[in-house]
């Protein structure tokens, strides 16, 4: 899979979890991206942001040392950047 394919799949998971139609975070990458996404869309989509936060919190209860900073999430290549994640997720949720 290309980086764009991976990003698209992760955005699709974020949107599905935000709409509560998908299971919670399945791994560290998803949990961290969900947590970050929830913060980025909180003002425009509070309900969806809460769903993402709950999905990530459930993972972090079982894996408390898995939580990373936003900088580490970008450095790991899980997202390209915060504005891009926010804009693309808002588009999917609109």
C-alpha atoms as a PDB file:
ATOM      1  CA  UNK A   1       0.000   0.000   0.000  1.00  0.00           C
ATOM      2  CA  UNK A   2       1.184   3.498  -0.765  1.00  0.00           C
ATOM      3  CA  UNK A   3       1.340   6.220   1.903  1.00  0.00           C
ATOM      4  CA  UNK A   4      -1.813   7.775   0.434  1.00  0.00           C
ATOM      5  CA  UNK A   5      -3.642   4.438   0.584  1.00  0.00           C
ATOM      6  CA  UNK A   6      -2.646   4.010   4.225  1.00  0.00           C
ATOM      7  CA  UNK A   7      -3.745   7.565   5.016  1.00  0.00           C
ATOM      8  CA  UNK A   8      -7.061   7.040   3.234  1.00  0.00           C
ATOM      9  CA  UNK A   9      -7.737   3.801   5.126  1.00  0.00           C
ATOM     10  CA  UNK A  10      -6.919   5.465   8.440  1.00  0.00           C
ATOM     11  CA  UNK A  11      -9.207   8.409   7.635  1.00  0.00           C
ATOM     12  CA  UNK A  12     -11.985   5.976   6.744  1.00  0.00           C
ATOM     13  CA  UNK A  13     -11.520   4.259  10.131  1.00  0.00           C
ATOM     14  CA  UNK A  14     -11.559   7.642  11.910  1.00  0.00           C
ATOM     15  CA  UNK A  15     -14.803   8.604  10.178  1.00  0.00           C
ATOM     16  CA  UNK A  16     -16.408   5.233  10.933  1.00  0.00           C
ATOM     17  CA  UNK A  17     -15.429   5.344  14.601  1.00  0.00           C
ATOM     18  CA  UNK A  18     -16.548   8.980  14.845  1.00  0.00           C
ATOM     19  CA  UNK A  19     -19.957   7.875  13.604  1.00  0.00           C
ATOM     20  CA  UNK A  20     -19.880   4.916  16.027  1.00  0.00           C
ATOM     21  CA  UNK A  21     -20.133   2.278  13.321  1.00  0.00           C
ATOM     22  CA  UNK A  22     -16.726   0.672  13.848  1.00  0.00           C
ATOM     23  CA  UNK A  23     -14.957  -1.055  16.710  1.00  0.00           C
ATOM     24  CA  UNK A  24     -12.591   0.920  18.947  1.00  0.00           C
ATOM     25  CA  UNK A  25      -8.894   1.387  18.229  1.00  0.00           C
ATOM     26  CA  UNK A  26      -7.227  -1.860  17.270  1.00  0.00           C
ATOM     27  CA  UNK A  27      -3.611  -0.816  17.745  1.00  0.00           C
ATOM     28  CA  UNK A  28      -1.314   1.946  18.971  1.00  0.00           C
ATOM     29  CA  UNK A  29      -1.399   3.808  15.677  1.00  0.00           C
ATOM     30  CA  UNK A  30      -5.184   3.977  15.558  1.00  0.00           C
ATOM     31  CA  UNK A  31      -5.479   4.898  19.236  1.00  0.00           C
ATOM     32  CA  UNK A  32      -3.064   7.796  18.906  1.00  0.00           C
ATOM     33  CA  UNK A  33      -4.531   9.071  15.649  1.00  0.00           C
ATOM     34  CA  UNK A  34      -8.085   8.810  17.052  1.00  0.00           C
ATOM     35  CA  UNK A  35      -7.053  10.771  20.154  1.00  0.00           C
ATOM     36  CA  UNK A  36      -5.386  13.458  18.063  1.00  0.00           C
ATOM     37  CA  UNK A  37      -8.277  13.611  15.583  1.00  0.00           C
ATOM     38  CA  UNK A  38     -10.740  14.030  18.444  1.00  0.00           C
ATOM     39  CA  UNK A  39      -8.879  17.119  19.608  1.00  0.00           C
ATOM     40  CA  UNK A  40      -8.713  18.566  16.099  1.00  0.00           C
ATOM     41  CA  UNK A  41     -12.453  18.279  15.342  1.00  0.00           C
ATOM     42  CA  UNK A  42     -13.843  18.972  18.828  1.00  0.00           C
ATOM     43  CA  UNK A  43     -15.163  22.452  18.043  1.00  0.00           C
ATOM     44  CA  UNK A  44     -16.977  21.463  14.846  1.00  0.00           C
ATOM     45  CA  UNK A  45     -18.015  17.890  15.616  1.00  0.00           C
ATOM     46  CA  UNK A  46     -18.230  17.440  19.402  1.00  0.00           C
ATOM     47  CA  UNK A  47     -20.217  14.184  19.302  1.00  0.00           C
ATOM     48  CA  UNK A  48     -17.901  12.591  16.756  1.00  0.00           C
ATOM     49  CA  UNK A  49     -14.848  13.858  18.649  1.00  0.00           C
ATOM     50  CA  UNK A  50     -16.161  12.209  21.801  1.00  0.00           C
ATOM     51  CA  UNK A  51     -16.606   8.891  19.961  1.00  0.00           C
ATOM     52  CA  UNK A  52     -12.999   9.036  18.760  1.00  0.00           C
ATOM     53  CA  UNK A  53     -11.756   9.897  22.241  1.00  0.00           C
ATOM     54  CA  UNK A  54     -13.665   7.005  23.807  1.00  0.00           C
ATOM     55  CA  UNK A  55     -12.282   4.606  21.187  1.00  0.00           C
ATOM     56  CA  UNK A  56      -8.732   5.704  21.955  1.00  0.00           C
ATOM     57  CA  UNK A  57      -9.266   5.776  25.732  1.00  0.00           C
ATOM     58  CA  UNK A  58     -10.397   2.151  25.677  1.00  0.00           C
ATOM     59  CA  UNK A  59      -7.120   1.159  24.027  1.00  0.00           C
ATOM     60  CA  UNK A  60      -5.006   3.267  26.387  1.00  0.00           C
ATOM     61  CA  UNK A  61      -6.596   1.714  29.468  1.00  0.00           C
ATOM     62  CA  UNK A  62      -5.141  -1.611  28.361  1.00  0.00           C
ATOM     63  CA  UNK A  63      -1.891  -0.072  27.029  1.00  0.00           C
ATOM     64  CA  UNK A  64      -1.103   3.008  29.149  1.00  0.00           C
ATOM     65  CA  UNK A  65       2.441   3.423  27.793  1.00  0.00           C
ATOM     66  CA  UNK A  66       1.281   3.528  24.166  1.00  0.00           C
ATOM     67  CA  UNK A  67       0.193   7.188  24.215  1.00  0.00           C
ATOM     68  CA  UNK A  68       2.435   9.422  22.068  1.00  0.00           C
ATOM     69  CA  UNK A  69       2.789  13.146  21.481  1.00  0.00           C
ATOM     70  CA  UNK A  70       1.427  14.678  18.293  1.00  0.00           C
ATOM     71  CA  UNK A  71       5.006  15.231  17.110  1.00  0.00           C
ATOM     72  CA  UNK A  72       5.797  11.547  17.516  1.00  0.00           C
ATOM     73  CA  UNK A  73       2.644  10.624  15.584  1.00  0.00           C
ATOM     74  CA  UNK A  74       3.819  12.764  12.658  1.00  0.00           C
ATOM     75  CA  UNK A  75       7.434  11.523  12.925  1.00  0.00           C
ATOM     76  CA  UNK A  76       6.173   7.925  12.815  1.00  0.00           C
ATOM     77  CA  UNK A  77       4.503   8.765   9.507  1.00  0.00           C
ATOM     78  CA  UNK A  78       1.029   7.870  10.768  1.00  0.00           C
ATOM     79  CA  UNK A  79      -0.254  11.249   9.575  1.00  0.00           C
ATOM     80  CA  UNK A  80       1.244  13.861   7.275  1.00  0.00           C
ATOM     81  CA  UNK A  81       0.355  16.823   9.475  1.00  0.00           C
ATOM     82  CA  UNK A  82      -2.282  18.154  11.842  1.00  0.00           C
ATOM     83  CA  UNK A  83      -4.000  20.545   9.405  1.00  0.00           C
ATOM     84  CA  UNK A  84      -4.226  17.849   6.745  1.00  0.00           C
ATOM     85  CA  UNK A  85      -5.740  15.339   9.194  1.00  0.00           C
ATOM     86  CA  UNK A  86      -8.257  17.915  10.431  1.00  0.00           C
ATOM     87  CA  UNK A  87      -9.275  19.101   6.962  1.00  0.00           C
ATOM     88  CA  UNK A  88      -9.626  15.643   5.454  1.00  0.00           C
ATOM     89  CA  UNK A  89     -11.579  14.286   8.415  1.00  0.00           C
ATOM     90  CA  UNK A  90     -13.913  17.296   8.478  1.00  0.00           C
ATOM     91  CA  UNK A  91     -14.578  16.745   4.769  1.00  0.00           C
ATOM     92  CA  UNK A  92     -15.458  13.110   5.396  1.00  0.00           C
ATOM     93  CA  UNK A  93     -17.762  13.981   8.277  1.00  0.00           C
ATOM     94  CA  UNK A  94     -19.541  16.843   6.506  1.00  0.00           C
END
